Amino acid sequence: MIILIILAFLAIAYLDGPGLWRKKEWRELAVMGIVWSLGLALSLAAAWHWPVPNPARILARVFGPVTMWLTNLIG
């Protein structure tokens, strides 16, 4: 399973990376690298049955105060 995950991510990098490099789209390449790395890390952690952080908690912490502010603003 681990090898399949790594092969899939390498295939994605092989298909998308060189085109961005040739077009000199450095920002897109950087964002792709960051998202790709996070996806690989989370996929491997899930495959090894490690605890994976719940993104809903992070979103609730970020958008909770904004929601409360908008609720108080609108009334």
PDB file of N, CA and C in Angstrom:
ATOM      1  N   MET A   1       0.822  -1.192   0.000  1.00  0.00           N
ATOM      2  CA  MET A   1       0.000   0.000   0.000  1.00  0.00           C
ATOM      3  C   MET A   1       0.869   1.260   0.000  1.00  0.00           C
ATOM      4  N   ILE A   2       1.922   1.252   0.806  1.00  0.00           N
ATOM      5  CA  ILE A   2       2.805   2.412   0.900  1.00  0.00           C
ATOM      6  C   ILE A   2       3.468   2.675  -0.451  1.00  0.00           C
ATOM      7  N   ILE A   3       3.900   1.613  -1.099  1.00  0.00           N
ATOM      8  CA  ILE A   3       4.575   1.762  -2.386  1.00  0.00           C
ATOM      9  C   ILE A   3       3.616   2.320  -3.433  1.00  0.00           C
ATOM     10  N   LEU A   4       2.353   1.900  -3.402  1.00  0.00           N
ATOM     11  CA  LEU A   4       1.366   2.421  -4.352  1.00  0.00           C
ATOM     12  C   LEU A   4       1.120   3.915  -4.136  1.00  0.00           C
ATOM     13  N   ILE A   5       1.073   4.317  -2.890  1.00  0.00           N
ATOM     14  CA  ILE A   5       0.879   5.738  -2.582  1.00  0.00           C
ATOM     15  C   ILE A   5       2.057   6.546  -3.112  1.00  0.00           C
ATOM     16  N   ILE A   6       3.260   6.078  -2.844  1.00  0.00           N
ATOM     17  CA  ILE A   6       4.446   6.795  -3.302  1.00  0.00           C
ATOM     18  C   ILE A   6       4.498   6.830  -4.827  1.00  0.00           C
ATOM     19  N   LEU A   7       4.178   5.723  -5.472  1.00  0.00           N
ATOM     20  CA  LEU A   7       4.178   5.696  -6.938  1.00  0.00           C
ATOM     21  C   LEU A   7       3.134   6.645  -7.518  1.00  0.00           C
ATOM     22  N   ALA A   8       1.973   6.708  -6.899  1.00  0.00           N
ATOM     23  CA  ALA A   8       0.931   7.619  -7.372  1.00  0.00           C
ATOM     24  C   ALA A   8       1.380   9.073  -7.247  1.00  0.00           C
ATOM     25  N   PHE A   9       1.992   9.416  -6.129  1.00  0.00           N
ATOM     26  CA  PHE A   9       2.445  10.786  -5.950  1.00  0.00           C
ATOM     27  C   PHE A   9       3.613  11.117  -6.873  1.00  0.00           C
ATOM     28  N   LEU A  10       4.485  10.164  -7.117  1.00  0.00           N
ATOM     29  CA  LEU A  10       5.568  10.390  -8.077  1.00  0.00           C
ATOM     30  C   LEU A  10       5.021  10.581  -9.488  1.00  0.00           C
ATOM     31  N   ALA A  11       3.978   9.833  -9.837  1.00  0.00           N
ATOM     32  CA  ALA A  11       3.356   9.998 -11.156  1.00  0.00           C
ATOM     33  C   ALA A  11       2.751  11.389 -11.295  1.00  0.00           C
ATOM     34  N   ILE A  12       2.106  11.870 -10.253  1.00  0.00           N
ATOM     35  CA  ILE A  12       1.530  13.219 -10.282  1.00  0.00           C
ATOM     36  C   ILE A  12       2.637  14.258 -10.452  1.00  0.00           C
ATOM     37  N   ALA A  13       3.716  14.106  -9.706  1.00  0.00           N
ATOM     38  CA  ALA A  13       4.828  15.049  -9.813  1.00  0.00           C
ATOM     39  C   ALA A  13       5.463  14.983 -11.200  1.00  0.00           C
ATOM     40  N   TYR A  14       5.587  13.784 -11.754  1.00  0.00           N
ATOM     41  CA  TYR A  14       6.193  13.607 -13.075  1.00  0.00           C
ATOM     42  C   TYR A  14       5.324  14.224 -14.177  1.00  0.00           C
ATOM     43  N   LEU A  15       4.020  14.119 -14.034  1.00  0.00           N
ATOM     44  CA  LEU A  15       3.121  14.643 -15.059  1.00  0.00           C
ATOM     45  C   LEU A  15       2.934  16.158 -14.973  1.00  0.00           C
ATOM     46  N   ASP A  16       2.884  16.703 -13.777  1.00  0.00           N
ATOM     47  CA  ASP A  16       2.585  18.126 -13.612  1.00  0.00           C
ATOM     48  C   ASP A  16       3.817  19.009 -13.457  1.00  0.00           C
ATOM     49  N   GLY A  17       4.838  18.515 -12.813  1.00  0.00           N
ATOM     50  CA  GLY A  17       6.003  19.327 -12.490  1.00  0.00           C
ATOM     51  C   GLY A  17       6.782  19.865 -13.678  1.00  0.00           C
ATOM     52  N   PRO A  18       7.185  19.032 -14.622  1.00  0.00           N
ATOM     53  CA  PRO A  18       8.001  19.537 -15.735  1.00  0.00           C
ATOM     54  C   PRO A  18       7.316  20.616 -16.580  1.00  0.00           C
ATOM     55  N   GLY A  19       6.011  20.500 -16.760  1.00  0.00           N
ATOM     56  CA  GLY A  19       5.293  21.526 -17.519  1.00  0.00           C
ATOM     57  C   GLY A  19       5.344  22.877 -16.828  1.00  0.00           C
ATOM     58  N   LEU A  20       5.166  22.873 -15.536  1.00  0.00           N
ATOM     59  CA  LEU A  20       5.254  24.123 -14.780  1.00  0.00           C
ATOM     60  C   LEU A  20       6.672  24.674 -14.811  1.00  0.00           C
ATOM     61  N   TRP A  21       7.652  23.796 -14.755  1.00  0.00           N
ATOM     62  CA  TRP A  21       9.053  24.216 -14.780  1.00  0.00           C
ATOM     63  C   TRP A  21       9.394  24.853 -16.138  1.00  0.00           C
ATOM     64  N   ARG A  22       8.956  24.207 -17.239  1.00  0.00           N
ATOM     65  CA  ARG A  22       9.241  24.729 -18.582  1.00  0.00           C
ATOM     66  C   ARG A  22       8.578  26.081 -18.816  1.00  0.00           C
ATOM     67  N   LYS A  23       7.361  26.248 -18.294  1.00  0.00           N
ATOM     68  CA  LYS A  23       6.639  27.514 -18.464  1.00  0.00           C
ATOM     69  C   LYS A  23       7.105  28.574 -17.469  1.00  0.00           C
ATOM     70  N   LYS A  24       8.005  28.187 -16.574  1.00  0.00           N
ATOM     71  CA  LYS A  24       8.548  29.076 -15.536  1.00  0.00           C
ATOM     72  C   LYS A  24       7.446  29.656 -14.654  1.00  0.00           C
ATOM     73  N   GLU A  25       6.508  28.823 -14.298  1.00  0.00           N
ATOM     74  CA  GLU A  25       5.438  29.216 -13.385  1.00  0.00           C
ATOM     75  C   GLU A  25       5.857  28.830 -11.968  1.00  0.00           C
ATOM     76  N   TRP A  26       6.738  29.652 -11.411  1.00  0.00           N
ATOM     77  CA  TRP A  26       7.378  29.314 -10.142  1.00  0.00           C
ATOM     78  C   TRP A  26       6.392  29.297  -8.979  1.00  0.00           C
ATOM     79  N   ARG A  27       5.459  30.231  -8.949  1.00  0.00           N
ATOM     80  CA  ARG A  27       4.492  30.260  -7.842  1.00  0.00           C
ATOM     81  C   ARG A  27       3.607  29.027  -7.862  1.00  0.00           C
ATOM     82  N   GLU A  28       3.124  28.673  -9.040  1.00  0.00           N
ATOM     83  CA  GLU A  28       2.280  27.489  -9.158  1.00  0.00           C
ATOM     84  C   GLU A  28       3.056  26.233  -8.789  1.00  0.00           C
ATOM     85  N   LEU A  29       4.325  26.193  -9.197  1.00  0.00           N
ATOM     86  CA  LEU A  29       5.174  25.051  -8.864  1.00  0.00           C
ATOM     87  C   LEU A  29       5.401  24.958  -7.358  1.00  0.00           C
ATOM     88  N   ALA A  30       5.592  26.103  -6.716  1.00  0.00           N
ATOM     89  CA  ALA A  30       5.785  26.116  -5.267  1.00  0.00           C
ATOM     90  C   ALA A  30       4.517  25.663  -4.538  1.00  0.00           C
ATOM     91  N   VAL A  31       3.365  26.171  -4.973  1.00  0.00           N
ATOM     92  CA  VAL A  31       2.099  25.767  -4.347  1.00  0.00           C
ATOM     93  C   VAL A  31       1.849  24.288  -4.576  1.00  0.00           C
ATOM     94  N   MET A  32       2.113  23.822  -5.795  1.00  0.00           N
ATOM     95  CA  MET A  32       1.949  22.392  -6.077  1.00  0.00           C
ATOM     96  C   MET A  32       2.855  21.558  -5.189  1.00  0.00           C
ATOM     97  N   GLY A  33       4.080  22.004  -5.007  1.00  0.00           N
ATOM     98  CA  GLY A  33       5.012  21.263  -4.150  1.00  0.00           C
ATOM     99  C   GLY A  33       4.555  21.205  -2.707  1.00  0.00           C
ATOM    100  N   ILE A  34       4.023  22.308  -2.213  1.00  0.00           N
ATOM    101  CA  ILE A  34       3.543  22.336  -0.824  1.00  0.00           C
ATOM    102  C   ILE A  34       2.326  21.439  -0.659  1.00  0.00           C
ATOM    103  N   VAL A  35       1.355  21.589  -1.550  1.00  0.00           N
ATOM    104  CA  VAL A  35       0.142  20.768  -1.464  1.00  0.00           C
ATOM    105  C   VAL A  35       0.479  19.299  -1.680  1.00  0.00           C
ATOM    106  N   TRP A  36       1.364  19.025  -2.624  1.00  0.00           N
ATOM    107  CA  TRP A  36       1.800  17.650  -2.911  1.00  0.00           C
ATOM    108  C   TRP A  36       2.467  17.036  -1.682  1.00  0.00           C
ATOM    109  N   SER A  37       3.350  17.801  -1.038  1.00  0.00           N
ATOM    110  CA  SER A  37       4.049  17.296   0.151  1.00  0.00           C
ATOM    111  C   SER A  37       3.083  17.033   1.302  1.00  0.00           C
ATOM    112  N   LEU A  38       2.156  17.951   1.524  1.00  0.00           N
ATOM    113  CA  LEU A  38       1.167  17.747   2.585  1.00  0.00           C
ATOM    114  C   LEU A  38       0.285  16.534   2.287  1.00  0.00           C
ATOM    115  N   GLY A  39      -0.120  16.401   1.043  1.00  0.00           N
ATOM    116  CA  GLY A  39      -0.938  15.244   0.659  1.00  0.00           C
ATOM    117  C   GLY A  39      -0.197  13.937   0.829  1.00  0.00           C
ATOM    118  N   LEU A  40       1.071  13.923   0.445  1.00  0.00           N
ATOM    119  CA  LEU A  40       1.879  12.718   0.611  1.00  0.00           C
ATOM    120  C   LEU A  40       2.046  12.370   2.086  1.00  0.00           C
ATOM    121  N   ALA A  41       2.346  13.379   2.894  1.00  0.00           N
ATOM    122  CA  ALA A  41       2.535  13.134   4.326  1.00  0.00           C
ATOM    123  C   ALA A  41       1.248  12.614   4.975  1.00  0.00           C
ATOM    124  N   LEU A  42       0.120  13.223   4.655  1.00  0.00           N
ATOM    125  CA  LEU A  42      -1.148  12.770   5.240  1.00  0.00           C
ATOM    126  C   LEU A  42      -1.536  11.383   4.735  1.00  0.00           C
ATOM    127  N   SER A  43      -1.266  11.108   3.472  1.00  0.00           N
ATOM    128  CA  SER A  43      -1.580   9.784   2.924  1.00  0.00           C
ATOM    129  C   SER A  43      -0.728   8.701   3.570  1.00  0.00           C
ATOM    130  N   LEU A  44       0.547   8.973   3.749  1.00  0.00           N
ATOM    131  CA  LEU A  44       1.420   7.989   4.388  1.00  0.00           C
ATOM    132  C   LEU A  44       1.050   7.809   5.861  1.00  0.00           C
ATOM    133  N   ALA A  45       0.705   8.905   6.535  1.00  0.00           N
ATOM    134  CA  ALA A  45       0.299   8.793   7.942  1.00  0.00           C
ATOM    135  C   ALA A  45      -0.973   7.957   8.067  1.00  0.00           C
ATOM    136  N   ALA A  46      -1.914   8.153   7.166  1.00  0.00           N
ATOM    137  CA  ALA A  46      -3.147   7.361   7.204  1.00  0.00           C
ATOM    138  C   ALA A  46      -2.855   5.891   6.888  1.00  0.00           C
ATOM    139  N   ALA A  47      -1.944   5.641   5.966  1.00  0.00           N
ATOM    140  CA  ALA A  47      -1.613   4.262   5.614  1.00  0.00           C
ATOM    141  C   ALA A  47      -0.908   3.544   6.758  1.00  0.00           C
ATOM    142  N   TRP A  48      -0.128   4.291   7.546  1.00  0.00           N
ATOM    143  CA  TRP A  48       0.566   3.689   8.691  1.00  0.00           C
ATOM    144  C   TRP A  48      -0.282   3.721   9.965  1.00  0.00           C
ATOM    145  N   HIS A  49      -1.539   4.161   9.835  1.00  0.00           N
ATOM    146  CA  HIS A  49      -2.488   4.224  10.958  1.00  0.00           C
ATOM    147  C   HIS A  49      -2.005   5.160  12.064  1.00  0.00           C
ATOM    148  N   TRP A  50      -1.361   6.230  11.676  1.00  0.00           N
ATOM    149  CA  TRP A  50      -0.975   7.271  12.620  1.00  0.00           C
ATOM    150  C   TRP A  50      -2.148   8.222  12.790  1.00  0.00           C
ATOM    151  N   PRO A  51      -2.230   8.903  13.919  1.00  0.00           N
ATOM    152  CA  PRO A  51      -3.325   9.869  14.077  1.00  0.00           C
ATOM    153  C   PRO A  51      -3.142  11.042  13.107  1.00  0.00           C
ATOM    154  N   VAL A  52      -4.191  11.338  12.374  1.00  0.00           N
ATOM    155  CA  VAL A  52      -4.171  12.421  11.392  1.00  0.00           C
ATOM    156  C   VAL A  52      -5.030  13.548  11.928  1.00  0.00           C
ATOM    157  N   PRO A  53      -4.533  14.796  11.892  1.00  0.00           N
ATOM    158  CA  PRO A  53      -5.336  15.901  12.423  1.00  0.00           C
ATOM    159  C   PRO A  53      -6.623  16.096  11.637  1.00  0.00           C
ATOM    160  N   ASN A  54      -7.659  16.482  12.364  1.00  0.00           N
ATOM    161  CA  ASN A  54      -8.963  16.708  11.768  1.00  0.00           C
ATOM    162  C   ASN A  54      -9.032  18.153  11.260  1.00  0.00           C
ATOM    163  N   PRO A  55      -9.156  18.354   9.945  1.00  0.00           N
ATOM    164  CA  PRO A  55      -9.184  19.727   9.434  1.00  0.00           C
ATOM    165  C   PRO A  55     -10.427  20.501   9.857  1.00  0.00           C
ATOM    166  N   ALA A  56     -11.501  19.828  10.232  1.00  0.00           N
ATOM    167  CA  ALA A  56     -12.710  20.527  10.670  1.00  0.00           C
ATOM    168  C   ALA A  56     -12.450  21.312  11.952  1.00  0.00           C
ATOM    169  N   ARG A  57     -11.638  20.793  12.829  1.00  0.00           N
ATOM    170  CA  ARG A  57     -11.317  21.519  14.069  1.00  0.00           C
ATOM    171  C   ARG A  57     -10.537  22.796  13.767  1.00  0.00           C
ATOM    172  N   ILE A  58      -9.596  22.694  12.838  1.00  0.00           N
ATOM    173  CA  ILE A  58      -8.804  23.869  12.471  1.00  0.00           C
ATOM    174  C   ILE A  58      -9.704  24.923  11.832  1.00  0.00           C
ATOM    175  N   LEU A  59     -10.584  24.493  10.934  1.00  0.00           N
ATOM    176  CA  LEU A  59     -11.497  25.438  10.295  1.00  0.00           C
ATOM    177  C   LEU A  59     -12.455  26.070  11.302  1.00  0.00           C
ATOM    178  N   ALA A  60     -12.902  25.297  12.272  1.00  0.00           N
ATOM    179  CA  ALA A  60     -13.801  25.840  13.298  1.00  0.00           C
ATOM    180  C   ALA A  60     -13.082  26.894  14.134  1.00  0.00           C
ATOM    181  N   ARG A  61     -11.814  26.670  14.433  1.00  0.00           N
ATOM    182  CA  ARG A  61     -11.052  27.663  15.205  1.00  0.00           C
ATOM    183  C   ARG A  61     -10.821  28.936  14.406  1.00  0.00           C
ATOM    184  N   VAL A  62     -10.615  28.788  13.112  1.00  0.00           N
ATOM    185  CA  VAL A  62     -10.356  29.964  12.287  1.00  0.00           C
ATOM    186  C   VAL A  62     -11.638  30.730  12.013  1.00  0.00           C
ATOM    187  N   PHE A  63     -12.689  30.025  11.605  1.00  0.00           N
ATOM    188  CA  PHE A  63     -13.905  30.695  11.168  1.00  0.00           C
ATOM    189  C   PHE A  63     -14.926  30.889  12.279  1.00  0.00           C
ATOM    190  N   GLY A  64     -14.713  30.301  13.442  1.00  0.00           N
ATOM    191  CA  GLY A  64     -15.637  30.495  14.561  1.00  0.00           C
ATOM    192  C   GLY A  64     -15.752  31.952  14.973  1.00  0.00           C
ATOM    193  N   PRO A  65     -14.639  32.637  15.220  1.00  0.00           N
ATOM    194  CA  PRO A  65     -14.736  34.059  15.572  1.00  0.00           C
ATOM    195  C   PRO A  65     -15.331  34.920  14.453  1.00  0.00           C
ATOM    196  N   VAL A  66     -15.030  34.584  13.220  1.00  0.00           N
ATOM    197  CA  VAL A  66     -15.597  35.335  12.101  1.00  0.00           C
ATOM    198  C   VAL A  66     -17.111  35.153  12.067  1.00  0.00           C
ATOM    199  N   THR A  67     -17.568  33.946  12.285  1.00  0.00           N
ATOM    200  CA  THR A  67     -19.004  33.672  12.304  1.00  0.00           C
ATOM    201  C   THR A  67     -19.691  34.424  13.432  1.00  0.00           C
ATOM    202  N   MET A  68     -19.076  34.419  14.596  1.00  0.00           N
ATOM    203  CA  MET A  68     -19.656  35.143  15.735  1.00  0.00           C
ATOM    204  C   MET A  68     -19.706  36.644  15.448  1.00  0.00           C
ATOM    205  N   TRP A  69     -18.656  37.173  14.839  1.00  0.00           N
ATOM    206  CA  TRP A  69     -18.617  38.593  14.519  1.00  0.00           C
ATOM    207  C   TRP A  69     -19.717  38.942  13.521  1.00  0.00           C
ATOM    208  N   LEU A  70     -19.887  38.113  12.494  1.00  0.00           N
ATOM    209  CA  LEU A  70     -20.935  38.376  11.509  1.00  0.00           C
ATOM    210  C   LEU A  70     -22.324  38.239  12.114  1.00  0.00           C
ATOM    211  N   THR A  71     -22.499  37.277  13.011  1.00  0.00           N
ATOM    212  CA  THR A  71     -23.788  37.100  13.685  1.00  0.00           C
ATOM    213  C   THR A  71     -24.129  38.327  14.523  1.00  0.00           C
ATOM    214  N   ASN A  72     -23.139  38.840  15.244  1.00  0.00           N
ATOM    215  CA  ASN A  72     -23.360  40.043  16.061  1.00  0.00           C
ATOM    216  C   ASN A  72     -23.573  41.261  15.182  1.00  0.00           C
ATOM    217  N   LEU A  73     -22.930  41.321  14.041  1.00  0.00           N
ATOM    218  CA  LEU A  73     -23.060  42.455  13.142  1.00  0.00           C
ATOM    219  C   LEU A  73     -24.443  42.514  12.509  1.00  0.00           C
ATOM    220  N   ILE A  74     -24.919  41.357  12.065  1.00  0.00           N
ATOM    221  CA  ILE A  74     -26.222  41.289  11.397  1.00  0.00           C
ATOM    222  C   ILE A  74     -27.360  41.337  12.411  1.00  0.00           C
ATOM    223  N   GLY A  75     -27.124  40.711  13.535  1.00  0.00           N
ATOM    224  CA  GLY A  75     -28.096  40.780  14.611  1.00  0.00           C
ATOM    225  C   GLY A  75     -29.028  39.645  14.571  1.00  0.00           C
TER     226      GLY A  75
END
